[in-house]
Amino acid sequence: MSVSERSQELSAGETPIETYRKLDERLIYGSYPDVTLFDTYAQKREYLQDIVDAYLLKDILAVDGIKNSQKMYDLLRLIAYQTGSEVSYEELGKQLSMSRNTVERYLDLLQKVFVIYRLGGFSRNLRKEVAKASKWYFYDNGIRNAIIRKFQPLDVRSETHRGALWENYIISERRKLSLNRRLDTQFYFWRTYDNQEIDLIEEKDGVLTAYEMKAGKKQARVPIGFKNAYPDTEFYCVNRDNYLDFI
């Protein structure tokens, strides 16, 4: 069963109110339907660790003939800690003593088996826009947290950590929705060299829509650089008040 099919199965079995009540849990333990069957957080953690240890570090690596599983695991840890941030392949290679080509090959493999996915920078060839950068997200928050073995509740995490979990969860669920409905939507982020940015840009049939993710109930304003460059693009803030309409 694919990641999007698992998500569809989960949403079909609960009401919107139930989904909302389980939001904090989903941000930490993810959206695998089997996770919801366990009564305790300890059981949920054990299940997710089993997936990581048995599936990621054995089955995937064996299929592709990768011998150094520790390097793959270390790469995933670095990606997990940089969720929502731009990633430098050269810097990842230096930290792992790997070539850029090997880093890209590992990331491509992990994307093909639906562990992580890439968002590229959106640009219409404006000189101030970052176009060649990459951000990487996990398809499931629970897997992301199992990789780094961090399952602390949201109220003891920093605002930065809460924001990263929110961004990963919302964007991933949005992508799954697109896959389930077979929508031909392209996903990007947007940033300029003077650090104006937007978390998510969707492009469908030539129409752009921009979204900013806020983990609480705050609102966000469209960056002036984006508003000037794309005045006809609708801009939305996705927070706890309206996220169910988005995913």
Protein backbone atom coordinates (compact mmCIF):
# COMPACT_ATOMS: atom_id res chain seq x y z
CA MET A 1 0.00 0.00 0.00
CA SER A 2 1.39 3.40 -0.98
CA VAL A 3 1.78 6.35 1.38
CA SER A 4 -1.17 8.16 -0.20
CA GLU A 5 -3.38 5.06 0.03
CA ARG A 6 -2.56 4.69 3.73
CA SER A 7 -3.52 8.32 4.28
CA GLN A 8 -6.77 7.87 2.37
CA GLU A 9 -7.62 4.77 4.42
CA LEU A 10 -7.03 6.71 7.62
CA SER A 11 -9.16 9.73 6.68
CA ALA A 12 -12.03 7.51 5.53
CA GLY A 13 -12.32 5.95 8.98
CA GLU A 14 -12.77 9.06 11.12
CA THR A 15 -14.77 12.27 11.30
CA PRO A 16 -13.21 15.75 10.90
CA ILE A 17 -13.64 16.30 14.64
CA GLU A 18 -11.72 13.10 15.39
CA THR A 19 -9.02 14.14 12.93
CA TYR A 20 -8.68 17.53 14.62
CA ARG A 21 -8.47 16.01 18.09
CA LYS A 22 -5.63 13.76 16.99
CA LEU A 23 -3.63 16.57 15.39
CA ASP A 24 -0.91 16.85 18.05
CA GLU A 25 -0.48 13.09 18.04
CA ARG A 26 -0.18 13.03 14.24
CA LEU A 27 2.51 15.71 14.35
CA ILE A 28 4.62 13.42 16.55
CA TYR A 29 3.63 9.87 15.57
CA GLY A 30 2.52 10.39 11.98
CA SER A 31 -0.36 9.02 9.95
CA TYR A 32 0.27 5.31 9.55
CA PRO A 33 -3.11 3.63 10.26
CA ASP A 34 -1.42 0.85 12.25
CA VAL A 35 0.01 3.42 14.66
CA THR A 36 -3.52 4.37 15.75
CA LEU A 37 -4.21 0.79 16.83
CA PHE A 38 -1.76 0.94 19.72
CA ASP A 39 -2.96 2.14 23.11
CA THR A 40 0.26 3.63 24.45
CA TYR A 41 2.84 6.03 23.08
CA ALA A 42 5.54 3.49 23.95
CA GLN A 43 3.91 0.98 21.61
CA LYS A 44 3.65 3.59 18.87
CA ARG A 45 7.35 4.46 19.25
CA GLU A 46 8.35 0.80 19.12
CA TYR A 47 6.31 0.23 15.96
CA LEU A 48 7.85 3.22 14.20
CA GLN A 49 11.36 2.21 15.22
CA ASP A 50 10.72 -1.27 13.83
CA ILE A 51 9.72 0.26 10.49
CA VAL A 52 12.88 2.33 10.39
CA ASP A 53 15.22 -0.47 11.45
CA ALA A 54 13.66 -3.27 9.42
CA TYR A 55 12.41 -1.46 6.32
CA LEU A 56 14.70 1.51 5.81
CA LEU A 57 17.98 0.05 6.95
CA LYS A 58 17.53 -3.47 5.60
CA ASP A 59 14.99 -3.95 2.83
CA ILE A 60 15.61 -0.72 0.89
CA LEU A 61 19.37 -0.91 1.13
CA ALA A 62 19.43 -4.58 0.18
CA VAL A 63 17.36 -3.96 -2.95
CA ASP A 64 19.69 -1.24 -4.17
CA GLY A 65 22.87 -3.03 -3.17
CA ILE A 66 23.99 -0.27 -0.80
CA LYS A 67 26.48 -1.75 1.63
CA ASN A 68 27.00 1.12 4.05
CA SER A 69 23.65 1.39 5.81
CA GLN A 70 25.08 3.70 8.45
CA LYS A 71 25.81 6.37 5.84
CA MET A 72 22.21 6.21 4.64
CA TYR A 73 20.96 6.47 8.19
CA ASP A 74 23.23 9.41 8.94
CA LEU A 75 22.02 11.16 5.79
CA LEU A 76 18.40 10.71 6.85
CA ARG A 77 19.23 12.12 10.29
CA LEU A 78 20.71 15.24 8.72
CA ILE A 79 17.67 15.65 6.48
CA ALA A 80 15.37 15.21 9.49
CA TYR A 81 17.16 17.97 11.40
CA GLN A 82 16.93 20.26 8.35
CA THR A 83 13.22 19.76 7.71
CA GLY A 84 11.84 22.92 6.15
CA SER A 85 15.30 24.35 5.49
CA GLU A 86 17.28 24.51 2.29
CA VAL A 87 19.73 21.66 1.86
CA SER A 88 23.23 21.87 0.40
CA TYR A 89 24.37 18.62 -1.20
CA GLU A 90 27.98 19.74 -0.90
CA GLU A 91 27.61 20.39 2.82
CA LEU A 92 25.86 17.05 3.37
CA GLY A 93 28.71 15.34 1.53
CA LYS A 94 31.33 17.05 3.69
CA GLN A 95 29.58 16.05 6.91
CA LEU A 96 29.24 12.44 5.77
CA SER A 97 32.57 12.14 3.91
CA MET A 98 30.64 11.34 0.74
CA SER A 99 30.69 12.78 -2.75
CA ARG A 100 27.88 15.04 -3.93
CA ASN A 101 26.93 12.39 -6.51
CA THR A 102 26.56 9.74 -3.80
CA VAL A 103 24.43 12.07 -1.68
CA GLU A 104 22.15 12.74 -4.64
CA ARG A 105 21.94 9.03 -5.46
CA TYR A 106 20.92 8.17 -1.89
CA LEU A 107 18.32 10.95 -1.82
CA ASP A 108 16.93 9.83 -5.16
CA LEU A 109 16.56 6.27 -3.86
CA LEU A 110 14.79 7.45 -0.70
CA GLN A 111 12.44 9.55 -2.81
CA LYS A 112 11.60 6.63 -5.10
CA VAL A 113 10.54 4.47 -2.15
CA PHE A 114 8.40 7.28 -0.65
CA VAL A 115 10.43 8.00 2.46
CA ILE A 116 11.26 11.62 1.60
CA TYR A 117 10.48 14.01 -1.23
CA ARG A 118 11.99 17.17 -2.66
CA LEU A 119 10.61 20.67 -3.08
CA GLY A 120 12.50 22.86 -5.52
CA GLY A 121 12.58 26.63 -5.57
CA PHE A 122 9.99 28.39 -7.72
CA SER A 123 11.12 31.10 -10.11
CA ARG A 124 9.94 32.83 -13.24
CA ASN A 125 13.50 33.93 -13.97
CA LEU A 126 13.53 36.93 -11.68
CA ARG A 127 17.10 37.67 -10.68
CA LYS A 128 16.31 37.89 -6.96
CA GLU A 129 14.57 34.50 -6.77
CA VAL A 130 16.33 31.35 -5.56
CA ALA A 131 15.68 28.68 -8.18
CA LYS A 132 18.22 25.88 -7.76
CA ALA A 133 17.89 25.20 -4.04
CA SER A 134 16.17 22.16 -2.54
CA LYS A 135 14.15 21.38 0.56
CA TRP A 136 13.46 17.80 1.64
CA TYR A 137 10.49 16.57 3.64
CA PHE A 138 9.37 13.22 5.05
CA TYR A 139 6.15 11.66 3.82
CA ASP A 140 5.33 10.78 7.42
CA ASN A 141 6.12 12.72 10.60
CA GLY A 142 6.37 9.54 12.64
CA ILE A 143 9.14 8.18 10.44
CA ARG A 144 10.95 11.51 10.60
CA ASN A 145 10.84 11.48 14.41
CA ALA A 146 11.81 7.81 14.60
CA ILE A 147 14.90 8.50 12.49
CA ILE A 148 16.19 10.92 15.12
CA ARG A 149 14.46 9.15 18.04
CA LYS A 150 12.69 12.28 19.25
CA PHE A 151 9.07 11.83 20.32
CA GLN A 152 8.77 14.61 22.88
CA PRO A 153 5.33 16.27 23.07
CA LEU A 154 4.85 19.61 21.34
CA ASP A 155 4.61 21.68 24.52
CA VAL A 156 8.23 20.95 25.48
CA ARG A 157 9.62 21.70 22.01
CA SER A 158 10.90 25.02 20.75
CA GLU A 159 8.83 27.14 18.42
CA THR A 160 11.26 26.29 15.62
CA HIS A 161 10.78 22.55 16.14
CA ARG A 162 7.01 22.87 16.31
CA GLY A 163 7.05 24.89 13.11
CA ALA A 164 9.14 22.28 11.30
CA LEU A 165 6.80 19.46 12.33
CA TRP A 166 3.76 21.48 11.29
CA GLU A 167 5.26 22.37 7.92
CA ASN A 168 6.28 18.77 7.22
CA TYR A 169 2.87 17.39 8.19
CA ILE A 170 0.73 19.91 6.31
CA ILE A 171 2.73 19.91 3.08
CA SER A 172 2.96 16.12 3.08
CA GLU A 173 -0.77 15.69 3.63
CA ARG A 174 -1.44 18.18 0.85
CA ARG A 175 0.74 16.16 -1.52
CA LYS A 176 -1.07 12.97 -0.55
CA LEU A 177 -4.39 14.67 -1.27
CA SER A 178 -3.13 15.59 -4.73
CA LEU A 179 -2.00 12.02 -5.37
CA ASN A 180 -5.30 10.55 -4.15
CA ARG A 181 -7.30 12.82 -6.44
CA ARG A 182 -4.86 12.40 -9.33
CA LEU A 183 -4.35 16.13 -9.60
CA ASP A 184 -1.53 17.30 -11.81
CA THR A 185 -0.17 19.76 -9.27
CA GLN A 186 3.44 20.89 -9.03
CA PHE A 187 4.83 21.87 -5.63
CA TYR A 188 7.59 24.37 -4.84
CA PHE A 189 8.80 26.78 -2.20
CA TRP A 190 9.69 30.42 -2.92
CA ARG A 191 12.53 32.52 -1.60
CA THR A 192 14.52 35.56 -2.65
CA TYR A 193 18.16 36.29 -1.94
CA ASP A 194 17.07 38.96 0.56
CA ASN A 195 15.23 36.21 2.48
CA GLN A 196 11.61 36.85 1.61
CA GLU A 197 10.00 33.42 1.49
CA ILE A 198 6.82 31.37 1.21
CA ASP A 199 6.53 27.77 2.39
CA LEU A 200 4.53 26.32 -0.49
CA ILE A 201 3.70 27.30 -4.05
CA GLU A 202 1.26 25.18 -6.03
CA GLU A 203 1.06 25.35 -9.80
CA LYS A 204 -1.85 23.71 -11.61
CA ASP A 205 -2.91 24.41 -15.20
CA GLY A 206 -0.68 27.47 -15.17
CA VAL A 207 -2.37 28.94 -12.08
CA LEU A 208 -0.31 29.71 -8.97
CA THR A 209 -1.46 29.57 -5.35
CA ALA A 210 0.75 30.45 -2.39
CA TYR A 211 0.55 29.11 1.17
CA GLU A 212 2.33 29.97 4.40
CA MET A 213 2.25 27.45 7.28
CA LYS A 214 1.74 28.63 10.87
CA ALA A 215 1.80 26.07 13.68
CA GLY A 216 -0.50 28.05 15.97
CA LYS A 217 -3.39 30.29 15.00
CA LYS A 218 -1.34 33.18 13.70
CA GLN A 219 -1.89 34.79 10.34
CA ALA A 220 0.76 35.63 7.76
CA ARG A 221 1.17 38.41 5.24
CA VAL A 222 2.22 37.88 1.67
CA PRO A 223 5.84 39.05 1.15
CA ILE A 224 5.98 42.30 -0.76
CA GLY A 225 8.43 40.86 -3.30
CA PHE A 226 6.05 38.04 -4.16
CA LYS A 227 3.04 40.33 -4.26
CA ASN A 228 4.80 42.63 -6.71
CA ALA A 229 6.07 39.80 -8.91
CA TYR A 230 2.84 37.74 -8.93
CA PRO A 231 0.00 40.17 -8.18
CA ASP A 232 -2.74 37.81 -9.41
CA THR A 233 -1.69 34.90 -7.18
CA GLU A 234 -3.94 34.04 -4.23
CA PHE A 235 -2.18 33.77 -0.87
CA TYR A 236 -3.38 31.80 2.17
CA CYS A 237 -2.14 31.12 5.68
CA VAL A 238 -2.66 27.51 6.85
CA ASN A 239 -3.00 27.26 10.64
CA ARG A 240 -4.91 25.23 13.21
CA ASP A 241 -8.15 27.05 12.48
CA ASN A 242 -8.34 26.10 8.81
CA TYR A 243 -5.92 23.25 8.10
CA LEU A 244 -8.65 20.62 7.70
CA ASP A 245 -9.92 22.48 4.64
CA PHE A 246 -6.42 22.28 3.20
CA ILE A 247 -5.68 18.59 3.66
